[in-house]
Protein backbone atom coordinates (compact mmCIF):
# COMPACT_ATOMS: atom_id res chain seq x y z
CA ALA A 1 -67.98 -56.89 93.65
CA SER A 2 -71.21 -59.72 94.03
CA PHE A 3 -70.59 -60.02 97.63
CA MET A 4 -70.59 -57.29 98.76
CA ALA A 5 -73.69 -56.80 97.13
CA ALA A 6 -75.41 -59.38 98.71
CA LYS A 7 -77.45 -59.02 102.48
CA ASN A 8 -76.58 -61.78 103.70
CA VAL A 9 -72.99 -61.69 102.93
CA MET A 10 -71.97 -58.35 103.73
CA PRO A 11 -74.22 -56.73 106.42
CA VAL A 12 -72.79 -53.24 106.68
CA GLY A 13 -75.55 -51.54 105.13
CA VAL A 14 -73.51 -48.67 103.29
CA ILE A 15 -71.47 -50.35 102.31
CA TYR A 16 -74.08 -53.07 100.67
CA GLN A 17 -75.90 -49.93 99.56
CA VAL A 18 -73.19 -48.17 97.85
CA MET A 19 -72.25 -51.75 95.88
CA ARG A 20 -75.73 -52.08 94.92
CA THR A 21 -76.39 -48.40 93.96
CA VAL A 22 -72.63 -48.84 91.60
CA LEU A 23 -73.70 -51.86 90.12
CA GLY A 24 -77.07 -50.65 89.18
CA ILE A 25 -75.71 -47.65 87.63
CA LEU A 26 -73.44 -49.65 85.37
CA ARG A 27 -75.81 -52.20 84.08
CA GLY A 28 -78.52 -49.55 83.80
CA ILE A 29 -76.28 -47.73 80.87
CA PRO A 30 -76.63 -49.02 78.08
CA PRO A 31 -73.85 -50.73 76.16
CA LEU A 32 -74.24 -48.79 73.09
CA LEU A 33 -74.09 -45.41 75.21
CA TYR A 34 -71.02 -47.09 76.79
CA ALA A 35 -69.39 -46.79 73.71
CA ILE A 36 -69.58 -43.72 72.83
CA MET A 37 -68.62 -42.44 75.77
CA PHE A 38 -65.79 -44.24 75.51
CA VAL A 39 -64.79 -43.48 72.18
CA ALA A 40 -65.09 -39.85 72.62
CA MET A 41 -62.36 -40.56 75.55
CA VAL A 42 -59.66 -43.11 73.82
CA GLY A 43 -60.61 -42.30 69.97
CA LEU A 44 -61.99 -45.09 68.13
CA GLY A 45 -60.63 -48.72 67.78
CA PRO A 46 -61.48 -51.68 69.46
CA PHE A 47 -60.26 -50.46 73.17
CA ALA A 48 -62.76 -48.55 73.27
CA GLY A 49 -65.90 -51.50 73.10
CA VAL A 50 -64.13 -53.78 75.66
CA LEU A 51 -64.59 -50.92 77.99
CA ALA A 52 -67.99 -50.14 77.30
CA LEU A 53 -69.01 -54.43 77.08
CA VAL A 54 -67.13 -55.07 80.58
CA ALA A 55 -68.41 -51.57 82.22
CA HIS A 56 -71.77 -53.07 81.36
CA SER A 57 -70.78 -56.49 82.11
CA VAL A 58 -69.58 -55.19 86.00
CA GLY A 59 -72.65 -54.43 86.65
CA ALA A 60 -74.69 -56.51 85.27
CA MET A 61 -73.04 -59.51 85.78
CA GLY A 62 -72.43 -57.85 89.76
CA ARG A 63 -76.52 -58.00 90.23
CA PHE A 64 -76.94 -61.34 88.65
CA ILE A 65 -74.64 -63.25 91.01
CA ALA A 66 -75.32 -61.05 93.90
CA GLU A 67 -78.71 -61.55 93.63
CA ALA A 68 -78.27 -65.13 93.79
CA ILE A 69 -76.07 -64.68 96.89
CA GLU A 70 -78.46 -64.03 98.40
CA ASN A 71 -81.81 -66.80 97.04
CA ILE A 72 -79.44 -69.74 99.22
CA ASN A 73 -80.58 -71.60 101.58
CA PRO A 74 -79.40 -69.29 104.93
CA GLU A 75 -78.89 -72.65 106.72
CA ILE A 76 -76.16 -73.15 104.89
CA PRO A 77 -73.86 -70.62 105.97
CA ASN A 78 -74.96 -70.57 109.23
CA ALA A 79 -73.81 -73.98 109.58
CA ALA A 80 -70.61 -73.34 108.43
CA LYS A 81 -70.56 -70.71 110.57
CA ALA A 82 -71.68 -72.94 113.50
CA THR A 83 -68.65 -75.57 113.12
CA GLY A 84 -66.22 -71.80 113.57
CA ALA A 85 -65.45 -71.02 110.10
CA ASN A 86 -64.72 -67.10 109.76
CA LYS A 87 -66.52 -64.88 106.45
CA LEU A 88 -63.49 -66.26 104.30
CA LYS A 89 -64.29 -69.97 105.00
CA ILE A 90 -68.02 -68.96 104.86
CA ILE A 91 -67.70 -67.30 101.37
CA VAL A 92 -65.30 -70.13 100.32
CA TYR A 93 -66.51 -73.10 101.04
CA ALA A 94 -70.71 -72.53 101.84
CA ILE A 95 -72.15 -69.74 99.61
CA VAL A 96 -69.50 -70.18 96.20
CA PRO A 97 -70.46 -73.94 96.17
CA GLU A 98 -74.27 -73.03 95.68
CA VAL A 99 -73.81 -70.67 93.55
CA ARG A 100 -71.01 -71.92 91.31
CA VAL A 101 -73.61 -73.46 88.93
CA LEU A 102 -75.58 -70.25 88.40
CA MET A 103 -72.43 -68.10 88.56
CA PHE A 104 -71.42 -70.27 85.05
CA GLY A 105 -74.78 -69.94 83.50
CA TYR A 106 -74.04 -66.19 84.49
CA ILE A 107 -71.07 -65.67 82.69
CA LEU A 108 -71.71 -67.61 79.62
CA TYR A 109 -74.40 -65.58 79.02
CA TYR A 110 -72.93 -63.02 79.33
CA PHE A 111 -69.76 -63.90 76.96
CA GLU A 112 -71.63 -64.53 74.35
CA TYR A 113 -73.77 -61.30 74.21
CA MET A 114 -70.58 -59.64 74.29
CA VAL A 115 -69.56 -61.19 71.16
CA ARG A 116 -73.43 -59.97 69.85
CA THR A 117 -72.67 -56.85 71.23
CA SER A 118 -69.54 -56.08 70.42
CA THR A 119 -70.86 -56.20 66.53
CA VAL A 120 -73.32 -53.76 67.09
CA LEU A 121 -70.98 -51.38 68.82
CA GLY A 122 -68.20 -52.11 66.09
CA LEU A 123 -71.20 -49.52 63.79
CA VAL A 124 -70.45 -47.10 66.30
CA GLY A 125 -66.51 -47.21 65.70
CA ALA A 126 -65.02 -49.23 68.77
CA GLY A 127 -63.47 -51.34 66.38
CA GLY A 128 -63.87 -55.26 66.18
CA ILE A 129 -66.00 -57.17 63.51
CA GLY A 130 -68.56 -54.98 63.42
CA PHE A 131 -66.70 -51.77 62.06
CA LEU A 132 -65.94 -54.30 59.45
CA LEU A 133 -69.59 -55.37 58.70
CA MET A 134 -70.18 -51.51 58.59
CA THR A 135 -67.32 -50.66 56.04
CA TYR A 136 -68.54 -53.45 54.13
CA LEU A 137 -71.81 -52.41 53.58
CA HIS A 138 -70.76 -48.92 52.32
CA LEU A 139 -68.44 -49.86 49.65
CA PHE A 140 -71.65 -52.27 48.73
CA GLN A 141 -69.66 -55.70 49.09
CA TYR A 142 -72.75 -57.34 49.48
CA ASP A 143 -71.05 -60.66 49.19
CA LYS A 144 -68.12 -59.43 51.98
CA VAL A 145 -70.92 -58.56 54.38
CA ALA A 146 -73.38 -61.87 53.71
CA THR A 147 -69.85 -63.73 55.03
CA ILE A 148 -69.21 -62.23 58.23
CA LEU A 149 -72.86 -62.14 59.18
CA LEU A 150 -72.18 -65.82 58.92
CA VAL A 151 -69.18 -66.08 60.58
CA ILE A 152 -71.59 -64.51 63.45
CA VAL A 153 -73.75 -66.82 63.14
CA ILE A 154 -72.08 -70.23 62.85
CA VAL A 155 -69.27 -68.37 66.42
CA ILE A 156 -72.53 -67.73 68.16
CA THR A 157 -74.02 -70.91 67.83
CA VAL A 158 -70.94 -72.52 68.86
CA MET A 159 -70.33 -70.61 71.12
CA ASP A 160 -74.50 -72.14 72.44
CA LYS A 161 -73.56 -75.21 72.17
CA CYS A 162 -69.80 -75.19 74.34
CA SER A 163 -71.97 -73.02 76.99
CA ALA A 164 -74.98 -75.93 76.90
CA MET A 165 -72.04 -78.53 77.19
CA VAL A 166 -70.02 -76.69 80.06
CA ARG A 167 -73.21 -76.23 82.18
CA ALA A 168 -74.39 -79.09 81.44
CA ARG A 169 -71.05 -81.24 83.22
CA LEU A 170 -71.05 -78.65 86.35
CA VAL A 171 -75.20 -79.49 87.04
């Protein structure tokens, strides 16, 4: 989707505009609203939360990566084209290497974002650790609430450190 939403890769105006619009709509709806919609469609549980996170993330990631593709140095794909490379080879060998680090950075960031957001989605019935958190809050079991919050903070901190290590290796 990102490549079809990048003007320098998809010169056909209609496809470019449609993809930009679709990504904008997907990105524009907050995950919480998606969760409410999907809970109504598929019922309570983690599947509704996963659908909510995927729908929002596809729009946001698609847009971010499309922007990264549009901002690469135009001489790089032009040089590949001058050697006789077709469109697919230009994308694979000229464009992807240029945006690889940014793509992985966005993916890692959004993975962290989805873990944080999944807690909130559980509060509205989309399952997961947020549902446990809400249950223990309603039962006044604050020791378990504190444990869950501590686990969430530890998981996010570890993920942040791991993503920093991965990004350092990519650069």
